[in-house]
Amino acid sequence: MVREPLREWWGRDRVCTYHELRFASVRLPGCPPGVDPMVSFPVALSCHCGPCRLSSTDCGGPRTQPLACDHPPLPDILFL
């Protein structure tokens, strides 16, 4: 059971995390024969900033920049 002060602290922590996502794949170079060179991973299409929910988000770690949602360029990605 989580003690109440810890629960209150996590509930106040605000984070930005994915809201909508799509899976993308890339081909890794240099894989030996017989090894599947394709790797799939989630790519955030949009995000949401709000209270941290331990059920779906890693709420830890230092914050060096303000909360923000942006879209970095993703070259050479094949969306599935």
PDB file of N, CA and C in Angstrom:
ATOM      1  N   MET A   1       0.843  -1.186   0.000  1.00  0.00           N
ATOM      2  CA  MET A   1       0.000   0.000   0.000  1.00  0.00           C
ATOM      3  C   MET A   1       0.885   1.245   0.000  1.00  0.00           C
ATOM      4  N   VAL A   2       0.542   2.229  -0.808  1.00  0.00           N
ATOM      5  CA  VAL A   2       1.307   3.468  -0.914  1.00  0.00           C
ATOM      6  C   VAL A   2       0.874   4.419   0.183  1.00  0.00           C
ATOM      7  N   ARG A   3       1.872   4.960   0.876  1.00  0.00           N
ATOM      8  CA  ARG A   3       1.543   5.932   1.928  1.00  0.00           C
ATOM      9  C   ARG A   3       0.952   7.184   1.303  1.00  0.00           C
ATOM     10  N   GLU A   4       0.064   7.836   2.003  1.00  0.00           N
ATOM     11  CA  GLU A   4      -0.661   8.996   1.476  1.00  0.00           C
ATOM     12  C   GLU A   4       0.250  10.140   1.016  1.00  0.00           C
ATOM     13  N   PRO A   5       1.306  10.549   1.784  1.00  0.00           N
ATOM     14  CA  PRO A   5       2.147  11.647   1.287  1.00  0.00           C
ATOM     15  C   PRO A   5       2.788  11.338  -0.063  1.00  0.00           C
ATOM     16  N   LEU A   6       3.214  10.085  -0.277  1.00  0.00           N
ATOM     17  CA  LEU A   6       3.804   9.719  -1.563  1.00  0.00           C
ATOM     18  C   LEU A   6       2.768   9.800  -2.672  1.00  0.00           C
ATOM     19  N   ARG A   7       1.570   9.318  -2.422  1.00  0.00           N
ATOM     20  CA  ARG A   7       0.494   9.375  -3.416  1.00  0.00           C
ATOM     21  C   ARG A   7       0.177  10.829  -3.774  1.00  0.00           C
ATOM     22  N   GLU A   8       0.131  11.712  -2.780  1.00  0.00           N
ATOM     23  CA  GLU A   8      -0.158  13.130  -3.050  1.00  0.00           C
ATOM     24  C   GLU A   8       0.951  13.745  -3.889  1.00  0.00           C
ATOM     25  N   TRP A   9       2.215  13.408  -3.605  1.00  0.00           N
ATOM     26  CA  TRP A   9       3.318  13.974  -4.358  1.00  0.00           C
ATOM     27  C   TRP A   9       3.258  13.550  -5.815  1.00  0.00           C
ATOM     28  N   TRP A  10       3.030  12.255  -6.094  1.00  0.00           N
ATOM     29  CA  TRP A  10       2.956  11.786  -7.476  1.00  0.00           C
ATOM     30  C   TRP A  10       1.772  12.395  -8.201  1.00  0.00           C
ATOM     31  N   GLY A  11       0.654  12.579  -7.510  1.00  0.00           N
ATOM     32  CA  GLY A  11      -0.533  13.138  -8.148  1.00  0.00           C
ATOM     33  C   GLY A  11      -0.349  14.568  -8.607  1.00  0.00           C
ATOM     34  N   ARG A  12       0.570  15.303  -7.959  1.00  0.00           N
ATOM     35  CA  ARG A  12       0.802  16.704  -8.335  1.00  0.00           C
ATOM     36  C   ARG A  12       1.818  16.835  -9.463  1.00  0.00           C
ATOM     37  N   ASP A  13       2.606  15.807  -9.705  1.00  0.00           N
ATOM     38  CA  ASP A  13       3.643  15.860 -10.730  1.00  0.00           C
ATOM     39  C   ASP A  13       2.994  15.893 -12.111  1.00  0.00           C
ATOM     40  N   ARG A  14       3.361  16.886 -12.933  1.00  0.00           N
ATOM     41  CA  ARG A  14       2.786  16.999 -14.272  1.00  0.00           C
ATOM     42  C   ARG A  14       3.809  16.504 -15.291  1.00  0.00           C
ATOM     43  N   VAL A  15       3.315  15.777 -16.283  1.00  0.00           N
ATOM     44  CA  VAL A  15       4.166  15.213 -17.328  1.00  0.00           C
ATOM     45  C   VAL A  15       3.496  15.383 -18.683  1.00  0.00           C
ATOM     46  N   CYS A  16       4.298  15.274 -19.733  1.00  0.00           N
ATOM     47  CA  CYS A  16       3.762  15.198 -21.090  1.00  0.00           C
ATOM     48  C   CYS A  16       4.065  13.801 -21.610  1.00  0.00           C
ATOM     49  N   THR A  17       3.064  13.157 -22.157  1.00  0.00           N
ATOM     50  CA  THR A  17       3.224  11.813 -22.687  1.00  0.00           C
ATOM     51  C   THR A  17       2.362  11.672 -23.933  1.00  0.00           C
ATOM     52  N   TYR A  18       2.513  10.549 -24.627  1.00  0.00           N
ATOM     53  CA  TYR A  18       1.782  10.365 -25.869  1.00  0.00           C
ATOM     54  C   TYR A  18       0.273  10.325 -25.630  1.00  0.00           C
ATOM     55  N   HIS A  19      -0.466  10.784 -26.618  1.00  0.00           N
ATOM     56  CA  HIS A  19      -1.928  10.691 -26.594  1.00  0.00           C
ATOM     57  C   HIS A  19      -2.369   9.747 -27.713  1.00  0.00           C
ATOM     58  N   GLU A  20      -1.882  10.017 -28.918  1.00  0.00           N
ATOM     59  CA  GLU A  20      -2.131   9.135 -30.063  1.00  0.00           C
ATOM     60  C   GLU A  20      -0.777   8.627 -30.549  1.00  0.00           C
ATOM     61  N   LEU A  21      -0.737   7.391 -31.006  1.00  0.00           N
ATOM     62  CA  LEU A  21       0.519   6.876 -31.535  1.00  0.00           C
ATOM     63  C   LEU A  21       0.280   5.966 -32.719  1.00  0.00           C
ATOM     64  N   ARG A  22       1.340   5.745 -33.461  1.00  0.00           N
ATOM     65  CA  ARG A  22       1.341   4.853 -34.620  1.00  0.00           C
ATOM     66  C   ARG A  22       2.658   4.073 -34.546  1.00  0.00           C
ATOM     67  N   PHE A  23       2.648   2.864 -35.037  1.00  0.00           N
ATOM     68  CA  PHE A  23       3.880   2.077 -35.035  1.00  0.00           C
ATOM     69  C   PHE A  23       4.638   2.302 -36.339  1.00  0.00           C
ATOM     70  N   ALA A  24       5.948   2.416 -36.229  1.00  0.00           N
ATOM     71  CA  ALA A  24       6.829   2.593 -37.379  1.00  0.00           C
ATOM     72  C   ALA A  24       7.868   1.478 -37.360  1.00  0.00           C
ATOM     73  N   SER A  25       8.519   1.270 -38.497  1.00  0.00           N
ATOM     74  CA  SER A  25       9.562   0.249 -38.601  1.00  0.00           C
ATOM     75  C   SER A  25      10.771   0.812 -39.322  1.00  0.00           C
ATOM     76  N   VAL A  26      11.938   0.334 -38.943  1.00  0.00           N
ATOM     77  CA  VAL A  26      13.182   0.664 -39.636  1.00  0.00           C
ATOM     78  C   VAL A  26      13.943  -0.635 -39.874  1.00  0.00           C
ATOM     79  N   ARG A  27      14.760  -0.628 -40.901  1.00  0.00           N
ATOM     80  CA  ARG A  27      15.608  -1.788 -41.215  1.00  0.00           C
ATOM     81  C   ARG A  27      17.004  -1.502 -40.653  1.00  0.00           C
ATOM     82  N   LEU A  28      17.469  -2.370 -39.773  1.00  0.00           N
ATOM     83  CA  LEU A  28      18.797  -2.216 -39.194  1.00  0.00           C
ATOM     84  C   LEU A  28      19.839  -2.772 -40.158  1.00  0.00           C
ATOM     85  N   PRO A  29      20.887  -2.000 -40.446  1.00  0.00           N
ATOM     86  CA  PRO A  29      21.925  -2.487 -41.356  1.00  0.00           C
ATOM     87  C   PRO A  29      22.857  -3.474 -40.647  1.00  0.00           C
ATOM     88  N   GLY A  30      23.455  -4.345 -41.428  1.00  0.00           N
ATOM     89  CA  GLY A  30      24.490  -5.220 -40.907  1.00  0.00           C
ATOM     90  C   GLY A  30      24.019  -6.454 -40.164  1.00  0.00           C
ATOM     91  N   CYS A  31      22.749  -6.802 -40.259  1.00  0.00           N
ATOM     92  CA  CYS A  31      22.267  -8.014 -39.580  1.00  0.00           C
ATOM     93  C   CYS A  31      22.729  -9.249 -40.349  1.00  0.00           C
ATOM     94  N   PRO A  32      23.147 -10.285 -39.637  1.00  0.00           N
ATOM     95  CA  PRO A  32      23.586 -11.506 -40.321  1.00  0.00           C
ATOM     96  C   PRO A  32      22.416 -12.215 -40.991  1.00  0.00           C
ATOM     97  N   PRO A  33      22.684 -13.075 -41.967  1.00  0.00           N
ATOM     98  CA  PRO A  33      21.617 -13.831 -42.625  1.00  0.00           C
ATOM     99  C   PRO A  33      20.807 -14.628 -41.595  1.00  0.00           C
ATOM    100  N   GLY A  34      19.510 -14.683 -41.828  1.00  0.00           N
ATOM    101  CA  GLY A  34      18.628 -15.408 -40.928  1.00  0.00           C
ATOM    102  C   GLY A  34      18.103 -14.582 -39.771  1.00  0.00           C
ATOM    103  N   VAL A  35      18.563 -13.327 -39.643  1.00  0.00           N
ATOM    104  CA  VAL A  35      18.094 -12.433 -38.582  1.00  0.00           C
ATOM    105  C   VAL A  35      17.198 -11.382 -39.213  1.00  0.00           C
ATOM    106  N   ASP A  36      16.006 -11.206 -38.665  1.00  0.00           N
ATOM    107  CA  ASP A  36      15.066 -10.207 -39.182  1.00  0.00           C
ATOM    108  C   ASP A  36      15.610  -8.812 -38.887  1.00  0.00           C
ATOM    109  N   PRO A  37      15.932  -8.007 -39.909  1.00  0.00           N
ATOM    110  CA  PRO A  37      16.511  -6.688 -39.682  1.00  0.00           C
ATOM    111  C   PRO A  37      15.480  -5.596 -39.380  1.00  0.00           C
ATOM    112  N   MET A  38      14.191  -5.922 -39.413  1.00  0.00           N
ATOM    113  CA  MET A  38      13.153  -4.916 -39.173  1.00  0.00           C
ATOM    114  C   MET A  38      12.866  -4.789 -37.678  1.00  0.00           C
ATOM    115  N   VAL A  39      12.807  -3.541 -37.200  1.00  0.00           N
ATOM    116  CA  VAL A  39      12.480  -3.246 -35.810  1.00  0.00           C
ATOM    117  C   VAL A  39      11.290  -2.302 -35.814  1.00  0.00           C
ATOM    118  N   SER A  40      10.260  -2.612 -35.042  1.00  0.00           N
ATOM    119  CA  SER A  40       9.072  -1.754 -34.933  1.00  0.00           C
ATOM    120  C   SER A  40       9.052  -1.078 -33.570  1.00  0.00           C
ATOM    121  N   PHE A  41       8.518   0.151 -33.546  1.00  0.00           N
ATOM    122  CA  PHE A  41       8.468   0.921 -32.307  1.00  0.00           C
ATOM    123  C   PHE A  41       7.337   1.935 -32.398  1.00  0.00           C
ATOM    124  N   PRO A  42       6.820   2.388 -31.241  1.00  0.00           N
ATOM    125  CA  PRO A  42       5.745   3.381 -31.257  1.00  0.00           C
ATOM    126  C   PRO A  42       6.294   4.782 -31.526  1.00  0.00           C
ATOM    127  N   VAL A  43       5.543   5.576 -32.287  1.00  0.00           N
ATOM    128  CA  VAL A  43       5.873   6.974 -32.568  1.00  0.00           C
ATOM    129  C   VAL A  43       4.674   7.812 -32.150  1.00  0.00           C
ATOM    130  N   ALA A  44       4.898   8.774 -31.280  1.00  0.00           N
ATOM    131  CA  ALA A  44       3.808   9.632 -30.815  1.00  0.00           C
ATOM    132  C   ALA A  44       3.362  10.565 -31.934  1.00  0.00           C
ATOM    133  N   LEU A  45       2.061  10.621 -32.194  1.00  0.00           N
ATOM    134  CA  LEU A  45       1.494  11.542 -33.182  1.00  0.00           C
ATOM    135  C   LEU A  45       0.981  12.803 -32.510  1.00  0.00           C
ATOM    136  N   SER A  46       0.607  12.682 -31.251  1.00  0.00           N
ATOM    137  CA  SER A  46       0.180  13.835 -30.463  1.00  0.00           C
ATOM    138  C   SER A  46       0.477  13.523 -29.007  1.00  0.00           C
ATOM    139  N   CYS A  47       0.481  14.563 -28.190  1.00  0.00           N
ATOM    140  CA  CYS A  47       0.753  14.333 -26.783  1.00  0.00           C
ATOM    141  C   CYS A  47      -0.218  15.107 -25.913  1.00  0.00           C
ATOM    142  N   HIS A  48      -0.168  14.789 -24.638  1.00  0.00           N
ATOM    143  CA  HIS A  48      -1.057  15.395 -23.658  1.00  0.00           C
ATOM    144  C   HIS A  48      -0.237  15.683 -22.409  1.00  0.00           C
ATOM    145  N   CYS A  49      -0.366  16.882 -21.862  1.00  0.00           N
ATOM    146  CA  CYS A  49       0.311  17.235 -20.615  1.00  0.00           C
ATOM    147  C   CYS A  49      -0.727  17.275 -19.502  1.00  0.00           C
ATOM    148  N   GLY A  50      -0.412  16.636 -18.394  1.00  0.00           N
ATOM    149  CA  GLY A  50      -1.338  16.609 -17.272  1.00  0.00           C
ATOM    150  C   GLY A  50      -0.736  15.882 -16.093  1.00  0.00           C
ATOM    151  N   PRO A  51      -1.560  15.580 -15.092  1.00  0.00           N
ATOM    152  CA  PRO A  51      -1.063  14.873 -13.906  1.00  0.00           C
ATOM    153  C   PRO A  51      -0.478  13.520 -14.293  1.00  0.00           C
ATOM    154  N   CYS A  52       0.585  13.145 -13.622  1.00  0.00           N
ATOM    155  CA  CYS A  52       1.223  11.865 -13.904  1.00  0.00           C
ATOM    156  C   CYS A  52       0.348  10.732 -13.398  1.00  0.00           C
ATOM    157  N   ARG A  53       0.141   9.724 -14.250  1.00  0.00           N
ATOM    158  CA  ARG A  53      -0.617   8.533 -13.864  1.00  0.00           C
ATOM    159  C   ARG A  53       0.350   7.352 -13.842  1.00  0.00           C
ATOM    160  N   LEU A  54       0.617   6.850 -12.643  1.00  0.00           N
ATOM    161  CA  LEU A  54       1.569   5.756 -12.487  1.00  0.00           C
ATOM    162  C   LEU A  54       1.147   4.504 -13.235  1.00  0.00           C
ATOM    163  N   SER A  55      -0.136   4.372 -13.546  1.00  0.00           N
ATOM    164  CA  SER A  55      -0.619   3.179 -14.242  1.00  0.00           C
ATOM    165  C   SER A  55      -0.127   3.106 -15.686  1.00  0.00           C
ATOM    166  N   SER A  56       0.260   4.254 -16.290  1.00  0.00           N
ATOM    167  CA  SER A  56       0.652   4.236 -17.696  1.00  0.00           C
ATOM    168  C   SER A  56       1.911   5.040 -18.011  1.00  0.00           C
ATOM    169  N   THR A  57       2.524   5.690 -17.015  1.00  0.00           N
ATOM    170  CA  THR A  57       3.614   6.618 -17.282  1.00  0.00           C
ATOM    171  C   THR A  57       4.733   6.466 -16.262  1.00  0.00           C
ATOM    172  N   ASP A  58       5.985   6.597 -16.716  1.00  0.00           N
ATOM    173  CA  ASP A  58       7.122   6.673 -15.809  1.00  0.00           C
ATOM    174  C   ASP A  58       7.184   8.106 -15.315  1.00  0.00           C
ATOM    175  N   CYS A  59       6.891   8.335 -14.054  1.00  0.00           N
ATOM    176  CA  CYS A  59       6.772   9.689 -13.512  1.00  0.00           C
ATOM    177  C   CYS A  59       8.071  10.206 -12.911  1.00  0.00           C
ATOM    178  N   GLY A  60       9.154   9.476 -12.982  1.00  0.00           N
ATOM    179  CA  GLY A  60      10.393   9.879 -12.331  1.00  0.00           C
ATOM    180  C   GLY A  60      11.321  10.641 -13.240  1.00  0.00           C
ATOM    181  N   GLY A  61      12.426  11.096 -12.658  1.00  0.00           N
ATOM    182  CA  GLY A  61      13.477  11.746 -13.422  1.00  0.00           C
ATOM    183  C   GLY A  61      13.462  13.251 -13.299  1.00  0.00           C
ATOM    184  N   PRO A  62      14.654  13.860 -13.400  1.00  0.00           N
ATOM    185  CA  PRO A  62      14.740  15.324 -13.329  1.00  0.00           C
ATOM    186  C   PRO A  62      14.218  15.970 -14.601  1.00  0.00           C
ATOM    187  N   ARG A  63      13.760  17.183 -14.468  1.00  0.00           N
ATOM    188  CA  ARG A  63      13.228  17.926 -15.609  1.00  0.00           C
ATOM    189  C   ARG A  63      14.168  19.092 -15.898  1.00  0.00           C
ATOM    190  N   THR A  64      14.765  19.131 -17.079  1.00  0.00           N
ATOM    191  CA  THR A  64      15.684  20.213 -17.428  1.00  0.00           C
ATOM    192  C   THR A  64      15.036  21.248 -18.330  1.00  0.00           C
ATOM    193  N   GLN A  65      13.867  20.930 -18.890  1.00  0.00           N
ATOM    194  CA  GLN A  65      13.170  21.852 -19.775  1.00  0.00           C
ATOM    195  C   GLN A  65      11.704  21.902 -19.374  1.00  0.00           C
ATOM    196  N   PRO A  66      11.006  22.995 -19.699  1.00  0.00           N
ATOM    197  CA  PRO A  66       9.575  23.058 -19.386  1.00  0.00           C
ATOM    198  C   PRO A  66       8.790  22.015 -20.177  1.00  0.00           C
ATOM    199  N   LEU A  67       7.606  21.674 -19.679  1.00  0.00           N
ATOM    200  CA  LEU A  67       6.743  20.717 -20.369  1.00  0.00           C
ATOM    201  C   LEU A  67       6.336  21.261 -21.729  1.00  0.00           C
ATOM    202  N   ALA A  68       6.461  20.441 -22.754  1.00  0.00           N
ATOM    203  CA  ALA A  68       6.079  20.865 -24.097  1.00  0.00           C
ATOM    204  C   ALA A  68       5.854  19.643 -24.967  1.00  0.00           C
ATOM    205  N   CYS A  69       5.059  19.811 -25.994  1.00  0.00           N
ATOM    206  CA  CYS A  69       4.837  18.761 -26.985  1.00  0.00           C
ATOM    207  C   CYS A  69       5.321  19.302 -28.328  1.00  0.00           C
ATOM    208  N   ASP A  70       6.229  18.584 -28.966  1.00  0.00           N
ATOM    209  CA  ASP A  70       6.677  19.015 -30.286  1.00  0.00           C
ATOM    210  C   ASP A  70       6.844  17.788 -31.170  1.00  0.00           C
ATOM    211  N   HIS A  71       7.076  18.023 -32.432  1.00  0.00           N
ATOM    212  CA  HIS A  71       7.194  16.945 -33.411  1.00  0.00           C
ATOM    213  C   HIS A  71       8.574  17.003 -34.054  1.00  0.00           C
ATOM    214  N   PRO A  72       9.555  16.211 -33.554  1.00  0.00           N
ATOM    215  CA  PRO A  72      10.868  16.209 -34.199  1.00  0.00           C
ATOM    216  C   PRO A  72      10.789  15.518 -35.554  1.00  0.00           C
ATOM    217  N   PRO A  73      11.689  15.856 -36.478  1.00  0.00           N
ATOM    218  CA  PRO A  73      11.684  15.193 -37.782  1.00  0.00           C
ATOM    219  C   PRO A  73      12.035  13.715 -37.627  1.00  0.00           C
ATOM    220  N   LEU A  74      11.376  12.865 -38.387  1.00  0.00           N
ATOM    221  CA  LEU A  74      11.608  11.426 -38.335  1.00  0.00           C
ATOM    222  C   LEU A  74      11.945  10.917 -39.734  1.00  0.00           C
ATOM    223  N   PRO A  75      13.213  11.041 -40.159  1.00  0.00           N
ATOM    224  CA  PRO A  75      13.577  10.610 -41.513  1.00  0.00           C
ATOM    225  C   PRO A  75      13.638   9.093 -41.625  1.00  0.00           C
ATOM    226  N   ASP A  76      13.397   8.599 -42.819  1.00  0.00           N
ATOM    227  CA  ASP A  76      13.563   7.178 -43.145  1.00  0.00           C
ATOM    228  C   ASP A  76      12.745   6.232 -42.276  1.00  0.00           C
ATOM    229  N   ILE A  77      11.526   6.619 -41.949  1.00  0.00           N
ATOM    230  CA  ILE A  77      10.659   5.757 -41.140  1.00  0.00           C
ATOM    231  C   ILE A  77       9.514   5.266 -42.005  1.00  0.00           C
ATOM    232  N   LEU A  78       9.249   3.993 -41.919  1.00  0.00           N
ATOM    233  CA  LEU A  78       8.144   3.364 -42.636  1.00  0.00           C
ATOM    234  C   LEU A  78       7.003   3.149 -41.653  1.00  0.00           C
ATOM    235  N   PHE A  79       5.904   3.896 -41.816  1.00  0.00           N
ATOM    236  CA  PHE A  79       4.757   3.727 -40.931  1.00  0.00           C
ATOM    237  C   PHE A  79       3.967   2.505 -41.354  1.00  0.00           C
ATOM    238  N   LEU A  80       3.579   1.699 -40.375  1.00  0.00           N
ATOM    239  CA  LEU A  80       2.798   0.493 -40.641  1.00  0.00           C
ATOM    240  C   LEU A  80       1.315   0.792 -40.617  1.00  0.00           C
TER     241      LEU A  80
END
